Amino acid sequence: MKYAKQTHNNKKWLEALKNLSNLTTGKQSTNYLQQYIKLNDSLFTKERQLKNQFAKIRYETDKKEKENTVLKSDNEKKQVEITYHKQQKTIGWLAAAIGLLLFGVSILFFFFRKRKLLYLAQLERVKAREHERQQIAKSLHDEVAGDLRLLHQKLEKSNLLEEAKKLDAVKENVRNLSHQLSSISFGKVSFKDQIINLVSDYFELDFRITVAGLQENEWHTINDAIKRLLYLSARESIQNSKKYAQASKISIDFIVHKKYVHLTITDNGIGFDTNISKKGIGLQNLQERVEELSGTLNIESEKGNGTKISIQIPINVWTNKNTLS
């Protein structure tokens, strides 16, 4: 029992108390027995407490594990919900962006369609005015000029030579006006050949004409309305340079960009003061034709320094011949 107490061996201690109780008698035996019972009860109580503690720890551990499992499940569910909401939010933003994009595309589509319809209407007006000019030019050439020719002949037969001379000048003015109002077609003769023929008709030893940019560009891609304006502008400028400006040289430059067609006509004539001189009917008709095609006309001239005419026509409006013609 002594060594059991020293080594805290409770099992040996109980055995020793039990043996001493059996080996002794009287009060001493009773005392050993009471110690045995007390120690046994104490050890039983401690064992029970330890078991209870272990059970409690296991219970708490199981409870924590269950709580952790529940929390983990809840976290997973929340994570899934967060991911779902993020996806929904992303889908919403994408849908909104696509909606805005489609809305913008629709606006652009209707804008360009509206602009195209306006261009078509503008081109129809140009065609109508060209037809009207053609009819007027035809009437002046076939009817008015013919009547003036007959009247001129009668005046000559009546020896009214002075009157016949004045009438001849009137007839020449009518013929020039008819040419100015007349249009031109590129169905049978190409634009290049029309310009070459025009230059050939007016070219003389003392009146030289140079042309640049005619061969470098693909004129079949340019709308007839632009080509008609360019031709009439060149013709009107050549006539004015030869008849009024007393020029000996004239240069015609064509430049085709992605958005614009440029025509520059320069002569070395006597020039005029643009602040004083008014435009003649030819230049007025030219100004009107340019404005009909949404273009710009600029005239630079000084007395003794020649004249420069610059014309710019937007090509993006009239480029597609099949669509707009």
C-alpha atoms as a PDB file:
ATOM      1  CA  MET A   1       0.000   0.000   0.000  1.00  0.00           C
ATOM      2  CA  LYS A   2       2.900   2.305   0.805  1.00  0.00           C
ATOM      3  CA  TYR A   3       4.547   1.834  -2.582  1.00  0.00           C
ATOM      4  CA  ALA A   4       1.176   2.066  -4.339  1.00  0.00           C
ATOM      5  CA  LYS A   5       0.557   5.465  -2.720  1.00  0.00           C
ATOM      6  CA  GLN A   6       4.044   6.662  -3.702  1.00  0.00           C
ATOM      7  CA  THR A   7       3.599   5.574  -7.318  1.00  0.00           C
ATOM      8  CA  HIS A   8      -0.103   6.691  -7.411  1.00  0.00           C
ATOM      9  CA  ASN A   9      -1.091   3.223  -8.556  1.00  0.00           C
ATOM     10  CA  ASN A  10      -4.747   3.283  -7.561  1.00  0.00           C
ATOM     11  CA  LYS A  11      -5.394  -0.286  -8.651  1.00  0.00           C
ATOM     12  CA  LYS A  12      -2.603  -1.671  -6.464  1.00  0.00           C
ATOM     13  CA  TRP A  13      -3.715   0.642  -3.696  1.00  0.00           C
ATOM     14  CA  LEU A  14      -7.245  -0.834  -3.738  1.00  0.00           C
ATOM     15  CA  GLU A  15      -5.849  -4.373  -3.781  1.00  0.00           C
ATOM     16  CA  ALA A  16      -3.637  -3.590  -0.794  1.00  0.00           C
ATOM     17  CA  LEU A  17      -6.559  -2.138   1.202  1.00  0.00           C
ATOM     18  CA  LYS A  18      -8.711  -5.135   0.353  1.00  0.00           C
ATOM     19  CA  ASN A  19      -5.972  -7.613   1.394  1.00  0.00           C
ATOM     20  CA  LEU A  20      -5.276  -5.673   4.651  1.00  0.00           C
ATOM     21  CA  SER A  21      -9.000  -5.713   5.435  1.00  0.00           C
ATOM     22  CA  ASN A  22      -9.036  -9.479   5.019  1.00  0.00           C
ATOM     23  CA  LEU A  23      -5.814 -10.043   6.964  1.00  0.00           C
ATOM     24  CA  THR A  24      -6.712  -7.854   9.962  1.00  0.00           C
ATOM     25  CA  THR A  25      -9.544  -7.986  12.449  1.00  0.00           C
ATOM     26  CA  GLY A  26     -11.637  -5.678  14.514  1.00  0.00           C
ATOM     27  CA  LYS A  27     -11.512  -1.951  14.056  1.00  0.00           C
ATOM     28  CA  GLN A  28      -8.358  -2.093  11.974  1.00  0.00           C
ATOM     29  CA  SER A  29     -10.062  -4.349   9.461  1.00  0.00           C
ATOM     30  CA  THR A  30     -13.061  -2.061   9.456  1.00  0.00           C
ATOM     31  CA  ASN A  31     -10.835   0.970   8.936  1.00  0.00           C
ATOM     32  CA  TYR A  32      -9.097  -0.663   5.945  1.00  0.00           C
ATOM     33  CA  LEU A  33     -12.454  -1.604   4.518  1.00  0.00           C
ATOM     34  CA  GLN A  34     -13.813   1.942   4.902  1.00  0.00           C
ATOM     35  CA  GLN A  35     -10.657   3.321   3.178  1.00  0.00           C
ATOM     36  CA  TYR A  36     -11.160   0.789   0.405  1.00  0.00           C
ATOM     37  CA  ILE A  37     -14.788   1.814  -0.040  1.00  0.00           C
ATOM     38  CA  LYS A  38     -13.952   5.511   0.072  1.00  0.00           C
ATOM     39  CA  LEU A  39     -11.063   5.203  -2.402  1.00  0.00           C
ATOM     40  CA  ASN A  40     -13.099   3.011  -4.702  1.00  0.00           C
ATOM     41  CA  ASP A  41     -15.993   5.474  -4.637  1.00  0.00           C
ATOM     42  CA  SER A  42     -13.581   8.348  -5.270  1.00  0.00           C
ATOM     43  CA  LEU A  43     -11.972   6.560  -8.180  1.00  0.00           C
ATOM     44  CA  PHE A  44     -15.379   5.622  -9.582  1.00  0.00           C
ATOM     45  CA  THR A  45     -16.528   9.234  -9.302  1.00  0.00           C
ATOM     46  CA  LYS A  46     -13.398  10.531 -11.032  1.00  0.00           C
ATOM     47  CA  GLU A  47     -13.731   7.922 -13.745  1.00  0.00           C
ATOM     48  CA  ARG A  48     -17.335   8.924 -14.253  1.00  0.00           C
ATOM     49  CA  GLN A  49     -16.360  12.584 -14.365  1.00  0.00           C
ATOM     50  CA  LEU A  50     -13.670  11.803 -16.911  1.00  0.00           C
ATOM     51  CA  LYS A  51     -16.149   9.803 -18.955  1.00  0.00           C
ATOM     52  CA  ASN A  52     -18.619  12.650 -18.704  1.00  0.00           C
ATOM     53  CA  GLN A  53     -15.940  15.114 -19.746  1.00  0.00           C
ATOM     54  CA  PHE A  54     -14.911  12.944 -22.686  1.00  0.00           C
ATOM     55  CA  ALA A  55     -18.566  12.486 -23.620  1.00  0.00           C
ATOM     56  CA  LYS A  56     -19.115  16.206 -23.369  1.00  0.00           C
ATOM     57  CA  ILE A  57     -16.024  16.885 -25.434  1.00  0.00           C
ATOM     58  CA  ARG A  58     -17.176  14.359 -28.028  1.00  0.00           C
ATOM     59  CA  TYR A  59     -20.638  15.860 -27.991  1.00  0.00           C
ATOM     60  CA  GLU A  60     -19.238  19.351 -28.399  1.00  0.00           C
ATOM     61  CA  THR A  61     -16.916  18.111 -31.114  1.00  0.00           C
ATOM     62  CA  ASP A  62     -19.755  16.416 -32.976  1.00  0.00           C
ATOM     63  CA  LYS A  63     -21.855  19.510 -32.499  1.00  0.00           C
ATOM     64  CA  LYS A  64     -19.085  21.714 -33.857  1.00  0.00           C
ATOM     65  CA  GLU A  65     -18.566  19.351 -36.756  1.00  0.00           C
ATOM     66  CA  LYS A  66     -22.278  19.439 -37.525  1.00  0.00           C
ATOM     67  CA  GLU A  67     -22.293  23.232 -37.189  1.00  0.00           C
ATOM     68  CA  ASN A  68     -19.225  23.462 -39.373  1.00  0.00           C
ATOM     69  CA  THR A  69     -20.878  21.176 -41.913  1.00  0.00           C
ATOM     70  CA  VAL A  70     -24.004  23.345 -41.841  1.00  0.00           C
ATOM     71  CA  LEU A  71     -21.924  26.516 -42.094  1.00  0.00           C
ATOM     72  CA  LYS A  72     -19.911  25.001 -44.912  1.00  0.00           C
ATOM     73  CA  SER A  73     -23.112  24.041 -46.689  1.00  0.00           C
ATOM     74  CA  ASP A  74     -24.544  27.520 -46.084  1.00  0.00           C
ATOM     75  CA  ASN A  75     -21.331  29.108 -47.325  1.00  0.00           C
ATOM     76  CA  GLU A  76     -21.430  26.944 -50.414  1.00  0.00           C
ATOM     77  CA  LYS A  77     -25.040  27.910 -50.998  1.00  0.00           C
ATOM     78  CA  LYS A  78     -24.217  31.595 -50.454  1.00  0.00           C
ATOM     79  CA  GLN A  79     -21.223  31.292 -52.765  1.00  0.00           C
ATOM     80  CA  VAL A  80     -23.451  29.693 -55.375  1.00  0.00           C
ATOM     81  CA  GLU A  81     -26.000  32.472 -54.882  1.00  0.00           C
ATOM     82  CA  ILE A  82     -23.271  35.129 -55.112  1.00  0.00           C
ATOM     83  CA  THR A  83     -21.899  33.505 -58.265  1.00  0.00           C
ATOM     84  CA  TYR A  84     -25.422  33.278 -59.667  1.00  0.00           C
ATOM     85  CA  HIS A  85     -26.138  36.925 -58.869  1.00  0.00           C
ATOM     86  CA  LYS A  86     -22.799  37.929 -60.395  1.00  0.00           C
ATOM     87  CA  GLN A  87     -23.642  35.952 -63.505  1.00  0.00           C
ATOM     88  CA  GLN A  88     -27.096  37.503 -63.620  1.00  0.00           C
ATOM     89  CA  LYS A  89     -25.586  40.947 -63.145  1.00  0.00           C
ATOM     90  CA  THR A  90     -23.031  40.279 -65.878  1.00  0.00           C
ATOM     91  CA  ILE A  91     -25.757  38.971 -68.167  1.00  0.00           C
ATOM     92  CA  GLY A  92     -27.806  42.053 -67.342  1.00  0.00           C
ATOM     93  CA  TRP A  93     -24.929  44.391 -68.201  1.00  0.00           C
ATOM     94  CA  LEU A  94     -24.239  42.447 -71.389  1.00  0.00           C
ATOM     95  CA  ALA A  95     -27.913  42.570 -72.313  1.00  0.00           C
ATOM     96  CA  ALA A  96     -27.982  46.312 -71.606  1.00  0.00           C
ATOM     97  CA  ALA A  97     -24.818  46.852 -73.651  1.00  0.00           C
ATOM     98  CA  ILE A  98     -26.212  44.775 -76.522  1.00  0.00           C
ATOM     99  CA  GLY A  99     -29.468  46.683 -76.268  1.00  0.00           C
ATOM    100  CA  LEU A 100     -27.667  50.018 -76.386  1.00  0.00           C
ATOM    101  CA  LEU A 101     -25.549  48.771 -79.279  1.00  0.00           C
ATOM    102  CA  LEU A 102     -28.611  47.632 -81.192  1.00  0.00           C
ATOM    103  CA  PHE A 103     -30.315  50.920 -80.388  1.00  0.00           C
ATOM    104  CA  GLY A 104     -27.295  52.840 -81.658  1.00  0.00           C
ATOM    105  CA  VAL A 105     -27.106  50.675 -84.782  1.00  0.00           C
ATOM    106  CA  SER A 106     -30.823  51.241 -85.367  1.00  0.00           C
ATOM    107  CA  ILE A 107     -30.384  54.994 -85.013  1.00  0.00           C
ATOM    108  CA  LEU A 108     -27.424  54.929 -87.407  1.00  0.00           C
ATOM    109  CA  PHE A 109     -29.371  52.749 -89.822  1.00  0.00           C
ATOM    110  CA  PHE A 110     -32.360  55.090 -89.853  1.00  0.00           C
ATOM    111  CA  PHE A 111     -30.047  58.113 -90.002  1.00  0.00           C
ATOM    112  CA  PHE A 112     -28.156  56.802 -93.022  1.00  0.00           C
ATOM    113  CA  ARG A 113     -31.381  55.609 -94.616  1.00  0.00           C
ATOM    114  CA  LYS A 114     -32.916  59.029 -94.123  1.00  0.00           C
ATOM    115  CA  ARG A 115     -29.802  60.691 -95.527  1.00  0.00           C
ATOM    116  CA  LYS A 116     -29.855  58.295 -98.466  1.00  0.00           C
ATOM    117  CA  LEU A 117     -33.515  59.106 -99.140  1.00  0.00           C
ATOM    118  CA  LEU A 118     -32.711  62.814 -98.961  1.00  0.00           C
ATOM    119  CA  TYR A 119     -29.865  62.295-101.435  1.00  0.00           C
ATOM    120  CA  LEU A 120     -32.164  60.347-103.728  1.00  0.00           C
ATOM    121  CA  ALA A 121     -34.731  63.129-103.571  1.00  0.00           C
ATOM    122  CA  GLN A 122     -32.001  65.705-104.192  1.00  0.00           C
ATOM    123  CA  LEU A 123     -30.736  63.744-107.178  1.00  0.00           C
ATOM    124  CA  GLU A 124     -34.253  63.502-108.571  1.00  0.00           C
ATOM    125  CA  ARG A 125     -34.525  67.275-108.322  1.00  0.00           C
ATOM    126  CA  VAL A 126     -31.198  67.598-110.127  1.00  0.00           C
ATOM    127  CA  LYS A 127     -32.435  65.277-112.875  1.00  0.00           C
ATOM    128  CA  ALA A 128     -35.669  67.254-113.169  1.00  0.00           C
ATOM    129  CA  ARG A 129     -33.786  70.550-113.471  1.00  0.00           C
ATOM    130  CA  GLU A 130     -31.374  69.033-115.998  1.00  0.00           C
ATOM    131  CA  HIS A 131     -34.349  67.868-118.026  1.00  0.00           C
ATOM    132  CA  GLU A 132     -35.911  71.315-117.767  1.00  0.00           C
ATOM    133  CA  ARG A 133     -32.659  72.965-118.891  1.00  0.00           C
ATOM    134  CA  GLN A 134     -32.408  70.503-121.754  1.00  0.00           C
ATOM    135  CA  GLN A 135     -35.919  71.370-122.908  1.00  0.00           C
ATOM    136  CA  ILE A 136     -35.181  75.096-122.691  1.00  0.00           C
ATOM    137  CA  ALA A 137     -31.903  74.643-124.546  1.00  0.00           C
ATOM    138  CA  LYS A 138     -33.657  72.598-127.220  1.00  0.00           C
ATOM    139  CA  SER A 139     -36.366  75.240-127.599  1.00  0.00           C
ATOM    140  CA  LEU A 140     -33.766  77.999-127.869  1.00  0.00           C
ATOM    141  CA  HIS A 141     -31.766  76.084-130.455  1.00  0.00           C
ATOM    142  CA  ASP A 142     -34.591  74.671-132.563  1.00  0.00           C
ATOM    143  CA  GLU A 143     -37.258  77.364-132.281  1.00  0.00           C
ATOM    144  CA  VAL A 144     -35.853  80.731-131.201  1.00  0.00           C
ATOM    145  CA  ALA A 145     -32.562  80.395-133.089  1.00  0.00           C
ATOM    146  CA  GLY A 146     -34.440  79.121-136.174  1.00  0.00           C
ATOM    147  CA  ASP A 147     -36.831  82.071-136.123  1.00  0.00           C
ATOM    148  CA  LEU A 148     -33.933  84.470-135.675  1.00  0.00           C
ATOM    149  CA  ARG A 149     -32.170  82.848-138.620  1.00  0.00           C
ATOM    150  CA  LEU A 150     -35.196  83.371-140.877  1.00  0.00           C
ATOM    151  CA  LEU A 151     -35.598  86.932-139.667  1.00  0.00           C
ATOM    152  CA  HIS A 152     -31.890  87.536-140.307  1.00  0.00           C
ATOM    153  CA  GLN A 153     -32.264  86.325-143.869  1.00  0.00           C
ATOM    154  CA  LYS A 154     -35.264  88.608-144.468  1.00  0.00           C
ATOM    155  CA  LEU A 155     -33.363  91.611-143.102  1.00  0.00           C
ATOM    156  CA  GLU A 156     -30.430  90.879-145.414  1.00  0.00           C
ATOM    157  CA  LYS A 157     -32.771  90.605-148.412  1.00  0.00           C
ATOM    158  CA  SER A 158     -34.313  93.931-147.410  1.00  0.00           C
ATOM    159  CA  ASN A 159     -30.805  95.511-147.284  1.00  0.00           C
ATOM    160  CA  LEU A 160     -31.221  96.218-143.560  1.00  0.00           C
ATOM    161  CA  LEU A 161     -27.638  95.199-142.970  1.00  0.00           C
ATOM    162  CA  GLU A 162     -27.173  97.064-139.691  1.00  0.00           C
ATOM    163  CA  GLU A 163     -30.260  95.478-138.214  1.00  0.00           C
ATOM    164  CA  ALA A 164     -29.214  92.121-139.610  1.00  0.00           C
ATOM    165  CA  LYS A 165     -25.823  92.471-137.939  1.00  0.00           C
ATOM    166  CA  LYS A 166     -27.402  93.251-134.573  1.00  0.00           C
ATOM    167  CA  LEU A 167     -29.811  90.364-135.004  1.00  0.00           C
ATOM    168  CA  ASP A 168     -26.895  88.106-135.827  1.00  0.00           C
ATOM    169  CA  ALA A 169     -25.312  89.071-132.491  1.00  0.00           C
ATOM    170  CA  VAL A 170     -28.574  88.264-130.749  1.00  0.00           C
ATOM    171  CA  LYS A 171     -28.695  84.923-132.563  1.00  0.00           C
ATOM    172  CA  GLU A 172     -25.134  84.175-131.405  1.00  0.00           C
ATOM    173  CA  ASN A 173     -26.071  85.010-127.807  1.00  0.00           C
ATOM    174  CA  VAL A 174     -29.080  82.707-128.025  1.00  0.00           C
ATOM    175  CA  ARG A 175     -26.895  79.945-129.430  1.00  0.00           C
ATOM    176  CA  ASN A 176     -24.372  80.410-126.604  1.00  0.00           C
ATOM    177  CA  LEU A 177     -27.159  80.385-124.039  1.00  0.00           C
ATOM    178  CA  SER A 178     -28.499  77.190-125.580  1.00  0.00           C
ATOM    179  CA  HIS A 179     -25.076  75.573-125.250  1.00  0.00           C
ATOM    180  CA  GLN A 180     -24.731  76.749-121.679  1.00  0.00           C
ATOM    181  CA  LEU A 181     -28.080  75.269-120.708  1.00  0.00           C
ATOM    182  CA  SER A 182     -27.617  72.062-122.633  1.00  0.00           C
ATOM    183  CA  SER A 183     -26.647  68.912-120.774  1.00  0.00           C
ATOM    184  CA  ILE A 184     -24.544  65.951-121.809  1.00  0.00           C
ATOM    185  CA  SER A 185     -24.783  62.164-121.629  1.00  0.00           C
ATOM    186  CA  PHE A 186     -22.020  59.643-120.948  1.00  0.00           C
ATOM    187  CA  GLY A 187     -23.946  56.642-122.199  1.00  0.00           C
ATOM    188  CA  LYS A 188     -22.173  56.313-125.536  1.00  0.00           C
ATOM    189  CA  VAL A 189     -19.069  58.460-125.030  1.00  0.00           C
ATOM    190  CA  SER A 190     -17.066  58.120-121.799  1.00  0.00           C
ATOM    191  CA  PHE A 191     -16.184  61.052-119.587  1.00  0.00           C
ATOM    192  CA  LYS A 192     -12.501  60.882-120.562  1.00  0.00           C
ATOM    193  CA  ASP A 193     -13.345  61.002-124.263  1.00  0.00           C
ATOM    194  CA  GLN A 194     -15.842  63.827-123.719  1.00  0.00           C
ATOM    195  CA  ILE A 195     -13.167  65.945-122.020  1.00  0.00           C
ATOM    196  CA  ILE A 196     -10.631  65.071-124.729  1.00  0.00           C
ATOM    197  CA  ASN A 197     -13.139  66.068-127.422  1.00  0.00           C
ATOM    198  CA  LEU A 198     -13.912  69.293-125.574  1.00  0.00           C
ATOM    199  CA  VAL A 199     -10.231  70.224-125.341  1.00  0.00           C
ATOM    200  CA  SER A 200      -9.709  69.332-129.017  1.00  0.00           C
ATOM    201  CA  ASP A 201     -12.594  71.564-130.099  1.00  0.00           C
ATOM    202  CA  TYR A 202     -11.130  74.632-128.384  1.00  0.00           C
ATOM    203  CA  PHE A 203      -7.411  73.913-128.707  1.00  0.00           C
ATOM    204  CA  GLU A 204      -5.527  76.373-130.954  1.00  0.00           C
ATOM    205  CA  LEU A 205      -1.913  77.452-131.365  1.00  0.00           C
ATOM    206  CA  ASP A 206      -2.548  80.669-129.460  1.00  0.00           C
ATOM    207  CA  PHE A 207      -4.898  79.028-126.956  1.00  0.00           C
ATOM    208  CA  ARG A 208      -3.328  75.961-125.326  1.00  0.00           C
ATOM    209  CA  ILE A 209      -5.185  73.722-122.885  1.00  0.00           C
ATOM    210  CA  THR A 210      -3.509  71.228-120.537  1.00  0.00           C
ATOM    211  CA  VAL A 211      -5.385  68.568-118.586  1.00  0.00           C
ATOM    212  CA  ALA A 212      -4.108  66.682-115.515  1.00  0.00           C
ATOM    213  CA  GLY A 213      -5.705  63.871-113.523  1.00  0.00           C
ATOM    214  CA  LEU A 214      -7.959  62.669-116.335  1.00  0.00           C
ATOM    215  CA  GLN A 215      -6.254  59.332-116.985  1.00  0.00           C
ATOM    216  CA  GLU A 216      -5.318  58.588-113.348  1.00  0.00           C
ATOM    217  CA  ASN A 217      -8.851  58.150-112.011  1.00  0.00           C
ATOM    218  CA  GLU A 218     -11.541  55.501-112.491  1.00  0.00           C
ATOM    219  CA  TRP A 219     -14.379  57.672-113.754  1.00  0.00           C
ATOM    220  CA  HIS A 220     -16.842  54.803-114.172  1.00  0.00           C
ATOM    221  CA  THR A 221     -17.179  54.724-110.365  1.00  0.00           C
ATOM    222  CA  ILE A 222     -18.250  58.385-110.264  1.00  0.00           C
ATOM    223  CA  ASN A 223     -21.900  59.268-110.651  1.00  0.00           C
ATOM    224  CA  ASP A 224     -22.988  60.845-113.927  1.00  0.00           C
ATOM    225  CA  ALA A 225     -24.303  63.901-112.081  1.00  0.00           C
ATOM    226  CA  ILE A 226     -20.782  64.740-110.897  1.00  0.00           C
ATOM    227  CA  LYS A 227     -19.199  64.019-114.273  1.00  0.00           C
ATOM    228  CA  ARG A 228     -21.810  66.170-116.019  1.00  0.00           C
ATOM    229  CA  LEU A 229     -21.067  69.052-113.642  1.00  0.00           C
ATOM    230  CA  LEU A 230     -17.298  68.676-114.179  1.00  0.00           C
ATOM    231  CA  TYR A 231     -17.714  68.669-117.958  1.00  0.00           C
ATOM    232  CA  LEU A 232     -20.023  71.689-118.005  1.00  0.00           C
ATOM    233  CA  SER A 233     -17.703  73.533-115.611  1.00  0.00           C
ATOM    234  CA  ALA A 234     -14.707  72.884-117.847  1.00  0.00           C
ATOM    235  CA  ARG A 235     -16.645  73.947-120.921  1.00  0.00           C
ATOM    236  CA  GLU A 236     -17.953  77.140-119.345  1.00  0.00           C
ATOM    237  CA  SER A 237     -14.477  78.048-118.025  1.00  0.00           C
ATOM    238  CA  ILE A 238     -12.824  77.414-121.399  1.00  0.00           C
ATOM    239  CA  GLN A 239     -15.409  79.562-123.164  1.00  0.00           C
ATOM    240  CA  ASN A 240     -15.031  82.428-120.681  1.00  0.00           C
ATOM    241  CA  SER A 241     -11.214  82.246-120.747  1.00  0.00           C
ATOM    242  CA  LYS A 242     -11.127  82.386-124.532  1.00  0.00           C
ATOM    243  CA  LYS A 243     -13.919  84.885-125.111  1.00  0.00           C
ATOM    244  CA  TYR A 244     -13.621  87.320-122.196  1.00  0.00           C
ATOM    245  CA  ALA A 245     -10.334  86.737-120.360  1.00  0.00           C
ATOM    246  CA  GLN A 246      -8.197  86.821-123.530  1.00  0.00           C
ATOM    247  CA  ALA A 247      -6.167  83.940-122.102  1.00  0.00           C
ATOM    248  CA  SER A 248      -3.562  82.013-124.070  1.00  0.00           C
ATOM    249  CA  LYS A 249      -3.112  79.171-121.586  1.00  0.00           C
ATOM    250  CA  ILE A 250      -5.579  77.267-119.436  1.00  0.00           C
ATOM    251  CA  SER A 251      -4.923  74.292-117.143  1.00  0.00           C
ATOM    252  CA  ILE A 252      -7.562  71.843-115.961  1.00  0.00           C
ATOM    253  CA  ASP A 253      -6.747  69.611-112.970  1.00  0.00           C
ATOM    254  CA  PHE A 254      -8.924  66.736-111.753  1.00  0.00           C
ATOM    255  CA  ILE A 255      -8.326  65.216-108.304  1.00  0.00           C
ATOM    256  CA  VAL A 256     -10.435  62.378-106.877  1.00  0.00           C
ATOM    257  CA  HIS A 257     -10.247  61.667-103.153  1.00  0.00           C
ATOM    258  CA  LYS A 258     -12.225  59.219-101.047  1.00  0.00           C
ATOM    259  CA  LYS A 259     -14.745  61.868-100.049  1.00  0.00           C
ATOM    260  CA  TYR A 260     -14.478  64.634-102.644  1.00  0.00           C
ATOM    261  CA  VAL A 261     -13.845  65.351-106.294  1.00  0.00           C
ATOM    262  CA  HIS A 262     -11.837  68.520-106.967  1.00  0.00           C
ATOM    263  CA  LEU A 263     -11.690  70.469-110.207  1.00  0.00           C
ATOM    264  CA  THR A 264      -9.303  73.388-110.552  1.00  0.00           C
ATOM    265  CA  ILE A 265      -9.267  75.534-113.690  1.00  0.00           C
ATOM    266  CA  THR A 266      -6.582  78.235-114.040  1.00  0.00           C
ATOM    267  CA  ASP A 267      -5.958  80.643-116.904  1.00  0.00           C
ATOM    268  CA  ASN A 268      -3.455  83.448-117.587  1.00  0.00           C
ATOM    269  CA  GLY A 269      -6.072  85.899-118.788  1.00  0.00           C
ATOM    270  CA  ILE A 270      -6.656  89.527-117.897  1.00  0.00           C
ATOM    271  CA  GLY A 271      -8.630  88.575-114.787  1.00  0.00           C
ATOM    272  CA  PHE A 272     -11.250  90.709-113.053  1.00  0.00           C
ATOM    273  CA  ASP A 273     -12.125  92.173-109.676  1.00  0.00           C
ATOM    274  CA  THR A 274     -14.382  89.613-107.983  1.00  0.00           C
ATOM    275  CA  ASN A 275     -15.686  92.284-105.584  1.00  0.00           C
ATOM    276  CA  ILE A 276     -16.995  94.411-108.451  1.00  0.00           C
ATOM    277  CA  SER A 277     -17.762  92.188-111.404  1.00  0.00           C
ATOM    278  CA  LYS A 278     -20.956  90.207-111.242  1.00  0.00           C
ATOM    279  CA  LYS A 279     -21.199  86.655-112.420  1.00  0.00           C
ATOM    280  CA  GLY A 280     -22.610  86.182-115.901  1.00  0.00           C
ATOM    281  CA  ILE A 281     -25.404  83.776-116.669  1.00  0.00           C
ATOM    282  CA  GLY A 282     -22.895  81.023-117.380  1.00  0.00           C
ATOM    283  CA  LEU A 283     -21.251  81.280-113.969  1.00  0.00           C
ATOM    284  CA  GLN A 284     -24.625  81.692-112.322  1.00  0.00           C
ATOM    285  CA  ASN A 285     -25.815  78.455-113.904  1.00  0.00           C
ATOM    286  CA  LEU A 286     -22.557  76.825-112.828  1.00  0.00           C
ATOM    287  CA  GLN A 287     -23.021  78.077-109.248  1.00  0.00           C
ATOM    288  CA  GLU A 288     -26.538  76.665-109.230  1.00  0.00           C
ATOM    289  CA  ARG A 289     -25.390  73.276-110.543  1.00  0.00           C
ATOM    290  CA  VAL A 290     -22.641  73.068-107.920  1.00  0.00           C
ATOM    291  CA  GLU A 291     -25.022  73.889-105.075  1.00  0.00           C
ATOM    292  CA  GLU A 292     -27.486  71.266-106.331  1.00  0.00           C
ATOM    293  CA  LEU A 293     -24.821  68.620-105.708  1.00  0.00           C
ATOM    294  CA  SER A 294     -23.971  70.033-102.255  1.00  0.00           C
ATOM    295  CA  GLY A 295     -20.640  71.304-103.577  1.00  0.00           C
ATOM    296  CA  THR A 296     -18.679  74.526-103.287  1.00  0.00           C
ATOM    297  CA  LEU A 297     -17.494  76.960-105.962  1.00  0.00           C
ATOM    298  CA  ASN A 298     -14.668  79.396-105.349  1.00  0.00           C
ATOM    299  CA  ILE A 299     -13.387  81.988-107.836  1.00  0.00           C
ATOM    300  CA  GLU A 300     -10.064  83.783-107.327  1.00  0.00           C
ATOM    301  CA  SER A 301      -9.106  86.517-109.778  1.00  0.00           C
ATOM    302  CA  GLU A 302      -7.260  89.814-109.994  1.00  0.00           C
ATOM    303  CA  LYS A 303      -6.854  92.167-112.884  1.00  0.00           C
ATOM    304  CA  GLY A 304      -3.812  91.145-114.874  1.00  0.00           C
ATOM    305  CA  ASN A 305      -3.196  87.956-112.850  1.00  0.00           C
ATOM    306  CA  GLY A 306      -5.616  85.511-114.425  1.00  0.00           C
ATOM    307  CA  THR A 307      -8.462  83.534-112.858  1.00  0.00           C
ATOM    308  CA  LYS A 308      -8.631  80.381-110.774  1.00  0.00           C
ATOM    309  CA  ILE A 309     -11.881  78.436-110.361  1.00  0.00           C
ATOM    310  CA  SER A 310     -12.033  75.711-107.701  1.00  0.00           C
ATOM    311  CA  ILE A 311     -14.938  73.281-107.469  1.00  0.00           C
ATOM    312  CA  GLN A 312     -15.384  70.615-104.791  1.00  0.00           C
ATOM    313  CA  ILE A 313     -18.151  68.018-104.879  1.00  0.00           C
ATOM    314  CA  PRO A 314     -18.771  65.432-102.111  1.00  0.00           C
ATOM    315  CA  ILE A 315     -18.241  62.029-103.688  1.00  0.00           C
ATOM    316  CA  ASN A 316     -19.649  59.924-100.836  1.00  0.00           C
ATOM    317  CA  VAL A 317     -23.135  61.208-101.658  1.00  0.00           C
ATOM    318  CA  TRP A 318     -23.043  60.353-105.329  1.00  0.00           C
ATOM    319  CA  THR A 319     -20.506  57.533-105.556  1.00  0.00           C
ATOM    320  CA  ASN A 320     -22.847  54.553-105.863  1.00  0.00           C
ATOM    321  CA  LYS A 321     -24.138  54.924-109.369  1.00  0.00           C
ATOM    322  CA  ASN A 322     -26.441  51.928-109.228  1.00  0.00           C
ATOM    323  CA  THR A 323     -28.079  53.159-106.042  1.00  0.00           C
ATOM    324  CA  LEU A 324     -28.484  56.847-106.749  1.00  0.00           C
ATOM    325  CA  SER A 325     -28.786  57.047-110.520  1.00  0.00           C
END
